[in-house]
Amino acid sequence: MVSPPPALAYGSVVLAAVLWGGSIVAQKMALGSFSAVEASVFRDIGGLAILLVTWWVQERRTVITGAIARSDLFLLGLLGLGVLGNHLLILMGLKYVSGAVGGVIIGSSPVVTSLLSALLIRDVPLRTVWLGAVLSFAGVSLVSVAGFQAVGERPLLGGTLVFLGVVSWALYSIGSRPIMDRLSALTVNWTTLLVATVLQIPLLWTDRKMLDVGVSSVTTSDWLALGYLIIFATAVAQQAWLFGVKGIGPSRASVLGNLTPVAAIALSALILRESVGLVEMTGIGLILAGVWSVNRRTAQSS
């Protein structure tokens, strides 16, 4: 399949990064009325419905002209685990850390993606990313261990869960690129989201909140937050990200992910009234320094 023009691909990645920054705040708000599993399942069901309708309208001919290969089905299943880990682990982690801290940790995504990409598919030399990885991981460790506003008794666990969600998305981004030589980004998006949704539904019996106390307990702001997650963070942002990765690759796309923590911190302070202190700013400074190092060294080696 033909790759999109670079300018359009870069624009799509920037849009996805900013929308995901807002999703950190929306996820934090949704946890007021929903459990982590409920918020993740409802988000994915809603996003899946939108993507399926869009796919049928735009690509229904592919249903008639050809089927997905069996080998692709296996890979799509594995990619679905990446979506599941990203959506669920970040929501679970945000129960224990502030939105600002969650955004800072998610800011390590570009370096995590570049490091794993260098190790797994070797699209960039490992020597170009190791320094950036050290700097970014130092920033993640800093905000995960000290200086954050915890909303639970296990803030370190929260930071770890959010970071594992970042790793899940990095693996998804890396694994999705080769299959998009054969399948459209929209097809990859809805099939992997379907896998993630199906695997999560049984977990509703282990983590319930709204289902126990009733729909009437959900506030208007929490419904709006869930709507944002469904429409913008899942359907729009994920599609934009895959479209951009197809055009410029996971390593270059991941560099623009540094917009996500910036948007998350700004919106957390504005909407959630969370204070952003020296530790958070130092952490994001280290992470952005790591992103800059990876970007500069990657450009020099190409």
C-alpha atoms as a PDB file:
ATOM      1  CA  MET A   1       0.000   0.000   0.000  1.00  0.00           C
ATOM      2  CA  VAL A   2       1.193   3.540  -0.820  1.00  0.00           C
ATOM      3  CA  SER A   3       2.559   5.496   2.143  1.00  0.00           C
ATOM      4  CA  PRO A   4       1.029   8.918   2.899  1.00  0.00           C
ATOM      5  CA  PRO A   5       3.027  12.109   2.111  1.00  0.00           C
ATOM      6  CA  PRO A   6       5.527  12.982   4.883  1.00  0.00           C
ATOM      7  CA  ALA A   7       3.875  16.321   5.729  1.00  0.00           C
ATOM      8  CA  LEU A   8       0.492  14.670   6.174  1.00  0.00           C
ATOM      9  CA  ALA A   9       2.024  11.830   8.165  1.00  0.00           C
ATOM     10  CA  TYR A  10       3.811  14.242  10.537  1.00  0.00           C
ATOM     11  CA  GLY A  11       0.617  16.257  10.962  1.00  0.00           C
ATOM     12  CA  SER A  12      -1.317  13.111  11.845  1.00  0.00           C
ATOM     13  CA  VAL A  13       1.233  12.129  14.504  1.00  0.00           C
ATOM     14  CA  VAL A  14       1.143  15.635  16.043  1.00  0.00           C
ATOM     15  CA  LEU A  15      -2.668  15.513  16.184  1.00  0.00           C
ATOM     16  CA  ALA A  16      -2.575  12.120  17.873  1.00  0.00           C
ATOM     17  CA  ALA A  17      -0.008  13.281  20.447  1.00  0.00           C
ATOM     18  CA  VAL A  18      -2.041  16.359  21.452  1.00  0.00           C
ATOM     19  CA  LEU A  19      -5.299  14.400  21.654  1.00  0.00           C
ATOM     20  CA  TRP A  20      -3.598  11.808  23.862  1.00  0.00           C
ATOM     21  CA  GLY A  21      -2.399  14.582  26.146  1.00  0.00           C
ATOM     22  CA  GLY A  22      -6.037  15.496  26.689  1.00  0.00           C
ATOM     23  CA  SER A  23      -6.920  11.843  27.179  1.00  0.00           C
ATOM     24  CA  ILE A  24      -4.788  11.711  30.341  1.00  0.00           C
ATOM     25  CA  VAL A  25      -7.085  14.292  31.930  1.00  0.00           C
ATOM     26  CA  ALA A  26     -10.187  12.557  30.559  1.00  0.00           C
ATOM     27  CA  GLN A  27      -9.086   9.201  31.960  1.00  0.00           C
ATOM     28  CA  LYS A  28      -8.418  10.745  35.344  1.00  0.00           C
ATOM     29  CA  MET A  29     -11.888  12.336  35.355  1.00  0.00           C
ATOM     30  CA  ALA A  30     -13.634   9.149  34.208  1.00  0.00           C
ATOM     31  CA  LEU A  31     -12.185   7.240  37.163  1.00  0.00           C
ATOM     32  CA  GLY A  32     -14.457   9.311  39.407  1.00  0.00           C
ATOM     33  CA  SER A  33     -17.504   7.298  38.325  1.00  0.00           C
ATOM     34  CA  PHE A  34     -16.072   4.248  36.559  1.00  0.00           C
ATOM     35  CA  SER A  35     -13.603   1.567  37.580  1.00  0.00           C
ATOM     36  CA  ALA A  36     -10.457   1.255  35.461  1.00  0.00           C
ATOM     37  CA  VAL A  37     -11.804  -1.816  33.668  1.00  0.00           C
ATOM     38  CA  GLU A  38     -15.230  -0.245  33.100  1.00  0.00           C
ATOM     39  CA  ALA A  39     -13.717   2.925  31.650  1.00  0.00           C
ATOM     40  CA  SER A  40     -11.417   0.906  29.391  1.00  0.00           C
ATOM     41  CA  VAL A  41     -14.168  -1.471  28.179  1.00  0.00           C
ATOM     42  CA  PHE A  42     -16.753   1.274  27.533  1.00  0.00           C
ATOM     43  CA  ARG A  43     -14.118   3.394  25.797  1.00  0.00           C
ATOM     44  CA  ASP A  44     -13.086   0.538  23.528  1.00  0.00           C
ATOM     45  CA  ILE A  45     -16.649  -0.546  22.707  1.00  0.00           C
ATOM     46  CA  GLY A  46     -17.555   3.006  21.711  1.00  0.00           C
ATOM     47  CA  GLY A  47     -14.389   3.507  19.707  1.00  0.00           C
ATOM     48  CA  LEU A  48     -14.850   0.140  18.004  1.00  0.00           C
ATOM     49  CA  ALA A  49     -18.387   1.048  16.918  1.00  0.00           C
ATOM     50  CA  ILE A  50     -17.119   4.269  15.299  1.00  0.00           C
ATOM     51  CA  LEU A  51     -14.225   2.535  13.581  1.00  0.00           C
ATOM     52  CA  LEU A  52     -16.373  -0.294  12.231  1.00  0.00           C
ATOM     53  CA  VAL A  53     -18.869   2.119  10.687  1.00  0.00           C
ATOM     54  CA  THR A  54     -16.033   4.158   9.169  1.00  0.00           C
ATOM     55  CA  TRP A  55     -14.320   1.042   7.868  1.00  0.00           C
ATOM     56  CA  TRP A  56     -17.514  -0.284   6.273  1.00  0.00           C
ATOM     57  CA  VAL A  57     -18.206   3.019   4.550  1.00  0.00           C
ATOM     58  CA  GLN A  58     -14.653   3.524   3.286  1.00  0.00           C
ATOM     59  CA  GLU A  59     -13.342   0.014   2.719  1.00  0.00           C
ATOM     60  CA  ARG A  60     -16.287  -2.363   2.338  1.00  0.00           C
ATOM     61  CA  ARG A  61     -14.909  -3.468  -1.029  1.00  0.00           C
ATOM     62  CA  THR A  62     -12.056  -5.223   0.757  1.00  0.00           C
ATOM     63  CA  VAL A  63     -14.612  -7.507   2.407  1.00  0.00           C
ATOM     64  CA  ILE A  64     -15.584  -8.748  -1.027  1.00  0.00           C
ATOM     65  CA  THR A  65     -12.271  -8.667  -2.884  1.00  0.00           C
ATOM     66  CA  GLY A  66     -10.085 -10.334  -0.313  1.00  0.00           C
ATOM     67  CA  ALA A  67      -9.811 -11.745   3.192  1.00  0.00           C
ATOM     68  CA  ILE A  68      -7.166 -11.165   5.856  1.00  0.00           C
ATOM     69  CA  ALA A  69      -4.454 -13.840   5.673  1.00  0.00           C
ATOM     70  CA  ARG A  70      -4.190 -16.323   8.512  1.00  0.00           C
ATOM     71  CA  SER A  71      -0.671 -15.150   9.358  1.00  0.00           C
ATOM     72  CA  ASP A  72      -1.987 -11.596   9.615  1.00  0.00           C
ATOM     73  CA  LEU A  73      -4.727 -12.725  11.988  1.00  0.00           C
ATOM     74  CA  PHE A  74      -2.086 -14.040  14.384  1.00  0.00           C
ATOM     75  CA  LEU A  75      -0.135 -10.775  14.278  1.00  0.00           C
ATOM     76  CA  LEU A  76      -3.304  -8.721  14.715  1.00  0.00           C
ATOM     77  CA  GLY A  77      -4.074 -10.770  17.808  1.00  0.00           C
ATOM     78  CA  LEU A  78      -0.667  -9.981  19.265  1.00  0.00           C
ATOM     79  CA  LEU A  79      -1.098  -6.295  18.430  1.00  0.00           C
ATOM     80  CA  GLY A  80      -4.450  -6.386  20.225  1.00  0.00           C
ATOM     81  CA  LEU A  81      -2.567  -7.302  23.389  1.00  0.00           C
ATOM     82  CA  GLY A  82      -0.560  -4.098  22.948  1.00  0.00           C
ATOM     83  CA  VAL A  83      -3.759  -2.048  22.754  1.00  0.00           C
ATOM     84  CA  LEU A  84      -5.155  -3.862  25.790  1.00  0.00           C
ATOM     85  CA  GLY A  85      -2.027  -3.210  27.822  1.00  0.00           C
ATOM     86  CA  ASN A  86      -1.896   0.451  26.860  1.00  0.00           C
ATOM     87  CA  HIS A  87      -5.540   1.258  27.596  1.00  0.00           C
ATOM     88  CA  LEU A  88      -5.965  -0.786  30.753  1.00  0.00           C
ATOM     89  CA  LEU A  89      -2.580  -0.371  32.441  1.00  0.00           C
ATOM     90  CA  ILE A  90      -2.582   3.419  32.099  1.00  0.00           C
ATOM     91  CA  LEU A  91      -6.098   3.662  33.538  1.00  0.00           C
ATOM     92  CA  MET A  92      -5.122   1.414  36.437  1.00  0.00           C
ATOM     93  CA  GLY A  93      -1.985   3.448  37.056  1.00  0.00           C
ATOM     94  CA  LEU A  94      -3.873   6.759  37.058  1.00  0.00           C
ATOM     95  CA  LYS A  95      -5.758   5.589  40.150  1.00  0.00           C
ATOM     96  CA  TYR A  96      -2.537   6.103  42.105  1.00  0.00           C
ATOM     97  CA  VAL A  97      -0.798   9.077  40.463  1.00  0.00           C
ATOM     98  CA  SER A  98      -1.891  12.508  39.272  1.00  0.00           C
ATOM     99  CA  GLY A  99      -2.659  13.299  35.664  1.00  0.00           C
ATOM    100  CA  ALA A 100       0.443  15.474  35.460  1.00  0.00           C
ATOM    101  CA  VAL A 101       2.686  12.639  36.631  1.00  0.00           C
ATOM    102  CA  GLY A 102       0.973  10.222  34.272  1.00  0.00           C
ATOM    103  CA  GLY A 103       1.640  12.649  31.438  1.00  0.00           C
ATOM    104  CA  VAL A 104       5.311  12.971  32.345  1.00  0.00           C
ATOM    105  CA  ILE A 105       5.770   9.194  32.368  1.00  0.00           C
ATOM    106  CA  ILE A 106       3.959   8.865  29.053  1.00  0.00           C
ATOM    107  CA  GLY A 107       6.417  11.434  27.735  1.00  0.00           C
ATOM    108  CA  SER A 108       9.035   8.680  27.744  1.00  0.00           C
ATOM    109  CA  SER A 109       7.121   6.939  24.943  1.00  0.00           C
ATOM    110  CA  PRO A 110       9.313   8.291  22.103  1.00  0.00           C
ATOM    111  CA  VAL A 111      12.503   6.953  23.648  1.00  0.00           C
ATOM    112  CA  VAL A 112      10.926   3.651  24.703  1.00  0.00           C
ATOM    113  CA  THR A 113       9.690   3.166  21.142  1.00  0.00           C
ATOM    114  CA  SER A 114      13.049   4.084  19.625  1.00  0.00           C
ATOM    115  CA  LEU A 115      14.961   1.831  22.021  1.00  0.00           C
ATOM    116  CA  LEU A 116      12.713  -1.178  21.437  1.00  0.00           C
ATOM    117  CA  SER A 117      12.683  -0.454  17.709  1.00  0.00           C
ATOM    118  CA  ALA A 118      16.483  -0.449  17.665  1.00  0.00           C
ATOM    119  CA  LEU A 119      16.581  -3.738  19.575  1.00  0.00           C
ATOM    120  CA  LEU A 120      13.786  -5.572  17.769  1.00  0.00           C
ATOM    121  CA  ILE A 121      13.738  -4.409  14.151  1.00  0.00           C
ATOM    122  CA  ARG A 122      17.014  -2.449  14.081  1.00  0.00           C
ATOM    123  CA  ASP A 123      15.646   0.424  12.030  1.00  0.00           C
ATOM    124  CA  VAL A 124      18.004   2.704  13.930  1.00  0.00           C
ATOM    125  CA  PRO A 125      21.420   1.835  15.472  1.00  0.00           C
ATOM    126  CA  LEU A 126      21.342   1.117  19.209  1.00  0.00           C
ATOM    127  CA  ARG A 127      24.249   3.518  19.765  1.00  0.00           C
ATOM    128  CA  THR A 128      22.015   6.405  18.699  1.00  0.00           C
ATOM    129  CA  VAL A 129      19.364   5.809  21.368  1.00  0.00           C
ATOM    130  CA  TRP A 130      21.084   4.530  24.508  1.00  0.00           C
ATOM    131  CA  LEU A 131      21.933   7.969  25.935  1.00  0.00           C
ATOM    132  CA  GLY A 132      18.424   9.251  25.324  1.00  0.00           C
ATOM    133  CA  ALA A 133      17.025   6.132  26.961  1.00  0.00           C
ATOM    134  CA  VAL A 134      19.121   6.700  30.094  1.00  0.00           C
ATOM    135  CA  LEU A 135      18.013  10.341  30.370  1.00  0.00           C
ATOM    136  CA  SER A 136      14.345   9.557  29.812  1.00  0.00           C
ATOM    137  CA  PHE A 137      14.272   6.617  32.199  1.00  0.00           C
ATOM    138  CA  ALA A 138      15.915   8.823  34.823  1.00  0.00           C
ATOM    139  CA  GLY A 139      13.071  11.312  34.385  1.00  0.00           C
ATOM    140  CA  VAL A 140      10.455   8.573  34.682  1.00  0.00           C
ATOM    141  CA  SER A 141      12.118   7.198  37.821  1.00  0.00           C
ATOM    142  CA  LEU A 142      12.268  10.651  39.382  1.00  0.00           C
ATOM    143  CA  VAL A 143       8.572  11.416  39.061  1.00  0.00           C
ATOM    144  CA  SER A 144       7.571   7.844  39.933  1.00  0.00           C
ATOM    145  CA  VAL A 145       9.445   7.772  43.227  1.00  0.00           C
ATOM    146  CA  ALA A 146       9.141  11.300  44.642  1.00  0.00           C
ATOM    147  CA  GLY A 147       7.436  14.620  44.315  1.00  0.00           C
ATOM    148  CA  PHE A 148       4.026  13.542  43.042  1.00  0.00           C
ATOM    149  CA  GLN A 149       0.489  13.886  44.366  1.00  0.00           C
ATOM    150  CA  ALA A 150      -0.705  10.363  45.078  1.00  0.00           C
ATOM    151  CA  VAL A 151      -4.392   9.554  45.189  1.00  0.00           C
ATOM    152  CA  GLY A 152      -3.857   6.047  46.485  1.00  0.00           C
ATOM    153  CA  GLU A 153      -1.635   4.141  48.853  1.00  0.00           C
ATOM    154  CA  ARG A 154       0.666   2.710  46.159  1.00  0.00           C
ATOM    155  CA  PRO A 155       1.917   5.579  43.985  1.00  0.00           C
ATOM    156  CA  LEU A 156       5.036   3.689  42.916  1.00  0.00           C
ATOM    157  CA  LEU A 157       2.787   0.922  41.612  1.00  0.00           C
ATOM    158  CA  GLY A 158       0.787   3.546  39.730  1.00  0.00           C
ATOM    159  CA  GLY A 159       3.861   4.935  38.016  1.00  0.00           C
ATOM    160  CA  THR A 160       5.012   1.435  37.108  1.00  0.00           C
ATOM    161  CA  LEU A 161       1.635   0.547  35.592  1.00  0.00           C
ATOM    162  CA  VAL A 162       1.583   3.718  33.489  1.00  0.00           C
ATOM    163  CA  PHE A 163       5.107   2.981  32.257  1.00  0.00           C
ATOM    164  CA  LEU A 164       4.150  -0.591  31.324  1.00  0.00           C
ATOM    165  CA  GLY A 165       1.267   0.901  29.367  1.00  0.00           C
ATOM    166  CA  VAL A 166       3.842   2.977  27.479  1.00  0.00           C
ATOM    167  CA  VAL A 167       5.863  -0.157  26.714  1.00  0.00           C
ATOM    168  CA  SER A 168       2.710  -1.868  25.414  1.00  0.00           C
ATOM    169  CA  TRP A 169       2.057   0.999  23.016  1.00  0.00           C
ATOM    170  CA  ALA A 170       5.678   1.034  21.840  1.00  0.00           C
ATOM    171  CA  LEU A 171       5.438  -2.653  20.938  1.00  0.00           C
ATOM    172  CA  TYR A 172       2.139  -1.999  19.172  1.00  0.00           C
ATOM    173  CA  SER A 173       3.626   0.847  17.125  1.00  0.00           C
ATOM    174  CA  ILE A 174       6.613  -1.264  16.095  1.00  0.00           C
ATOM    175  CA  GLY A 175       4.585  -4.342  15.249  1.00  0.00           C
ATOM    176  CA  SER A 176       1.916  -2.484  13.292  1.00  0.00           C
ATOM    177  CA  ARG A 177       4.183  -1.030  10.623  1.00  0.00           C
ATOM    178  CA  PRO A 178       4.995  -4.196   8.611  1.00  0.00           C
ATOM    179  CA  ILE A 179       1.404  -5.392   8.546  1.00  0.00           C
ATOM    180  CA  MET A 180       0.279  -2.025   7.176  1.00  0.00           C
ATOM    181  CA  ASP A 181       2.175  -2.845   3.990  1.00  0.00           C
ATOM    182  CA  ARG A 182      -0.699  -5.277   3.375  1.00  0.00           C
ATOM    183  CA  LEU A 183      -3.611  -3.859   5.357  1.00  0.00           C
ATOM    184  CA  SER A 184      -4.935  -0.329   5.800  1.00  0.00           C
ATOM    185  CA  ALA A 185      -4.398   1.564   9.068  1.00  0.00           C
ATOM    186  CA  LEU A 186      -8.166   1.520   9.612  1.00  0.00           C
ATOM    187  CA  THR A 187      -8.316  -2.265   9.308  1.00  0.00           C
ATOM    188  CA  VAL A 188      -5.419  -2.703  11.725  1.00  0.00           C
ATOM    189  CA  ASN A 189      -7.032  -0.239  14.112  1.00  0.00           C
ATOM    190  CA  TRP A 190     -10.460  -1.851  14.432  1.00  0.00           C
ATOM    191  CA  THR A 191      -9.244  -5.460  14.419  1.00  0.00           C
ATOM    192  CA  THR A 192      -6.704  -4.887  17.190  1.00  0.00           C
ATOM    193  CA  LEU A 193      -9.226  -2.868  19.180  1.00  0.00           C
ATOM    194  CA  LEU A 194     -11.722  -5.725  18.818  1.00  0.00           C
ATOM    195  CA  VAL A 195      -9.180  -8.144  20.281  1.00  0.00           C
ATOM    196  CA  ALA A 196      -8.506  -5.810  23.206  1.00  0.00           C
ATOM    197  CA  THR A 197     -12.227  -5.318  23.870  1.00  0.00           C
ATOM    198  CA  VAL A 198     -13.071  -9.022  23.856  1.00  0.00           C
ATOM    199  CA  LEU A 199     -10.214  -9.834  26.234  1.00  0.00           C
ATOM    200  CA  GLN A 200     -11.287  -7.118  28.690  1.00  0.00           C
ATOM    201  CA  ILE A 201     -14.978  -7.949  29.034  1.00  0.00           C
ATOM    202  CA  PRO A 202     -14.457 -10.899  31.456  1.00  0.00           C
ATOM    203  CA  LEU A 203     -12.437  -8.561  33.694  1.00  0.00           C
ATOM    204  CA  LEU A 204     -15.628  -6.586  34.462  1.00  0.00           C
ATOM    205  CA  TRP A 205     -16.447  -9.239  37.041  1.00  0.00           C
ATOM    206  CA  THR A 206     -13.264  -8.397  38.937  1.00  0.00           C
ATOM    207  CA  ASP A 207     -13.297  -4.581  38.836  1.00  0.00           C
ATOM    208  CA  ARG A 208     -16.699  -2.880  39.017  1.00  0.00           C
ATOM    209  CA  LYS A 209     -17.898   0.503  40.182  1.00  0.00           C
ATOM    210  CA  MET A 210     -20.670   2.019  38.079  1.00  0.00           C
ATOM    211  CA  LEU A 211     -22.186  -1.411  37.399  1.00  0.00           C
ATOM    212  CA  ASP A 212     -22.620  -1.914  41.156  1.00  0.00           C
ATOM    213  CA  VAL A 213     -24.006   1.494  42.141  1.00  0.00           C
ATOM    214  CA  GLY A 214     -25.960   2.290  38.974  1.00  0.00           C
ATOM    215  CA  VAL A 215     -25.824   4.569  35.932  1.00  0.00           C
ATOM    216  CA  SER A 216     -27.390   7.425  37.879  1.00  0.00           C
ATOM    217  CA  SER A 217     -24.160   7.753  39.861  1.00  0.00           C
ATOM    218  CA  VAL A 218     -22.228   8.940  36.801  1.00  0.00           C
ATOM    219  CA  THR A 219     -21.799  12.722  36.657  1.00  0.00           C
ATOM    220  CA  THR A 220     -22.188  14.764  33.486  1.00  0.00           C
ATOM    221  CA  SER A 221     -18.485  15.633  33.449  1.00  0.00           C
ATOM    222  CA  ASP A 222     -17.566  11.951  33.674  1.00  0.00           C
ATOM    223  CA  TRP A 223     -19.861  11.103  30.748  1.00  0.00           C
ATOM    224  CA  LEU A 224     -18.163  13.871  28.747  1.00  0.00           C
ATOM    225  CA  ALA A 225     -14.754  12.505  29.720  1.00  0.00           C
ATOM    226  CA  LEU A 226     -15.762   9.027  28.565  1.00  0.00           C
ATOM    227  CA  GLY A 227     -17.083  10.511  25.316  1.00  0.00           C
ATOM    228  CA  TYR A 228     -13.744  12.229  24.719  1.00  0.00           C
ATOM    229  CA  LEU A 229     -11.935   8.931  25.263  1.00  0.00           C
ATOM    230  CA  ILE A 230     -14.222   7.144  22.803  1.00  0.00           C
ATOM    231  CA  ILE A 231     -14.236   9.704  19.999  1.00  0.00           C
ATOM    232  CA  PHE A 232     -10.926  11.516  20.183  1.00  0.00           C
ATOM    233  CA  ALA A 233      -8.480   9.363  22.169  1.00  0.00           C
ATOM    234  CA  THR A 234      -9.522   6.035  20.641  1.00  0.00           C
ATOM    235  CA  ALA A 235     -11.164   6.489  17.245  1.00  0.00           C
ATOM    236  CA  VAL A 236      -9.452   9.665  16.001  1.00  0.00           C
ATOM    237  CA  ALA A 237      -6.048   9.679  17.720  1.00  0.00           C
ATOM    238  CA  GLN A 238      -5.280   5.998  17.251  1.00  0.00           C
ATOM    239  CA  GLN A 239      -6.192   6.165  13.562  1.00  0.00           C
ATOM    240  CA  ALA A 240      -4.092   9.313  13.107  1.00  0.00           C
ATOM    241  CA  TRP A 241      -1.129   7.673  14.843  1.00  0.00           C
ATOM    242  CA  LEU A 242      -1.208   4.545  12.701  1.00  0.00           C
ATOM    243  CA  PHE A 243      -1.571   6.679   9.574  1.00  0.00           C
ATOM    244  CA  GLY A 244       1.491   8.707  10.588  1.00  0.00           C
ATOM    245  CA  VAL A 245       3.579   5.665  11.548  1.00  0.00           C
ATOM    246  CA  LYS A 246       2.837   4.168   8.138  1.00  0.00           C
ATOM    247  CA  GLY A 247       4.298   7.251   6.487  1.00  0.00           C
ATOM    248  CA  ILE A 248       7.364   8.047   8.580  1.00  0.00           C
ATOM    249  CA  GLY A 249       8.049   4.935  10.685  1.00  0.00           C
ATOM    250  CA  PRO A 250       7.872   4.315  14.451  1.00  0.00           C
ATOM    251  CA  SER A 251      11.177   5.946  15.403  1.00  0.00           C
ATOM    252  CA  ARG A 252      10.525   9.298  13.714  1.00  0.00           C
ATOM    253  CA  ALA A 253       6.862   9.311  14.716  1.00  0.00           C
ATOM    254  CA  SER A 254       7.733   8.636  18.337  1.00  0.00           C
ATOM    255  CA  VAL A 255       9.853  11.821  18.529  1.00  0.00           C
ATOM    256  CA  LEU A 256       6.705  13.933  18.201  1.00  0.00           C
ATOM    257  CA  GLY A 257       5.201  12.105  21.160  1.00  0.00           C
ATOM    258  CA  ASN A 258       6.890  14.703  23.389  1.00  0.00           C
ATOM    259  CA  LEU A 259       3.828  16.872  22.781  1.00  0.00           C
ATOM    260  CA  THR A 260       1.699  14.433  24.793  1.00  0.00           C
ATOM    261  CA  PRO A 261       3.191  15.160  28.259  1.00  0.00           C
ATOM    262  CA  VAL A 262       3.253  18.896  27.555  1.00  0.00           C
ATOM    263  CA  ALA A 263      -0.472  18.864  26.752  1.00  0.00           C
ATOM    264  CA  ALA A 264      -1.213  16.529  29.671  1.00  0.00           C
ATOM    265  CA  ILE A 265       0.573  18.711  32.227  1.00  0.00           C
ATOM    266  CA  ALA A 266      -0.996  21.922  30.942  1.00  0.00           C
ATOM    267  CA  LEU A 267      -4.524  20.465  30.911  1.00  0.00           C
ATOM    268  CA  SER A 268      -4.057  18.769  34.307  1.00  0.00           C
ATOM    269  CA  ALA A 269      -3.154  22.113  35.847  1.00  0.00           C
ATOM    270  CA  LEU A 270      -5.980  23.930  34.027  1.00  0.00           C
ATOM    271  CA  ILE A 271      -8.840  21.428  34.371  1.00  0.00           C
ATOM    272  CA  LEU A 272      -7.926  19.203  37.318  1.00  0.00           C
ATOM    273  CA  ARG A 273      -6.265  22.044  39.287  1.00  0.00           C
ATOM    274  CA  GLU A 274      -3.223  19.879  39.934  1.00  0.00           C
ATOM    275  CA  SER A 275      -0.070  21.649  40.990  1.00  0.00           C
ATOM    276  CA  VAL A 276       3.040  21.043  38.931  1.00  0.00           C
ATOM    277  CA  GLY A 277       6.205  21.240  40.991  1.00  0.00           C
ATOM    278  CA  LEU A 278       9.948  21.241  40.498  1.00  0.00           C
ATOM    279  CA  VAL A 279      10.209  17.457  40.450  1.00  0.00           C
ATOM    280  CA  GLU A 280       7.648  17.110  37.657  1.00  0.00           C
ATOM    281  CA  MET A 281       9.337  19.814  35.620  1.00  0.00           C
ATOM    282  CA  THR A 282      12.771  18.259  36.200  1.00  0.00           C
ATOM    283  CA  GLY A 283      11.401  14.880  35.155  1.00  0.00           C
ATOM    284  CA  ILE A 284       9.935  16.165  31.935  1.00  0.00           C
ATOM    285  CA  GLY A 285      13.151  18.087  31.289  1.00  0.00           C
ATOM    286  CA  LEU A 286      15.137  14.842  31.489  1.00  0.00           C
ATOM    287  CA  ILE A 287      12.639  13.048  29.272  1.00  0.00           C
ATOM    288  CA  LEU A 288      12.663  15.789  26.639  1.00  0.00           C
ATOM    289  CA  ALA A 289      16.461  15.842  26.760  1.00  0.00           C
ATOM    290  CA  GLY A 290      16.382  12.138  26.015  1.00  0.00           C
ATOM    291  CA  VAL A 291      13.964  12.700  23.127  1.00  0.00           C
ATOM    292  CA  TRP A 292      16.218  15.450  21.737  1.00  0.00           C
ATOM    293  CA  SER A 293      19.270  13.188  22.001  1.00  0.00           C
ATOM    294  CA  VAL A 294      17.541  10.355  20.154  1.00  0.00           C
ATOM    295  CA  ASN A 295      16.253  12.684  17.464  1.00  0.00           C
ATOM    296  CA  ARG A 296      19.639  14.358  16.898  1.00  0.00           C
ATOM    297  CA  ARG A 297      21.640  11.134  16.829  1.00  0.00           C
ATOM    298  CA  THR A 298      19.102   9.394  14.613  1.00  0.00           C
ATOM    299  CA  ALA A 299      19.205  12.279  12.135  1.00  0.00           C
ATOM    300  CA  GLN A 300      23.024  12.195  12.080  1.00  0.00           C
ATOM    301  CA  SER A 301      23.144   8.464  11.398  1.00  0.00           C
ATOM    302  CA  SER A 302      20.559   8.522   8.591  1.00  0.00           C
END
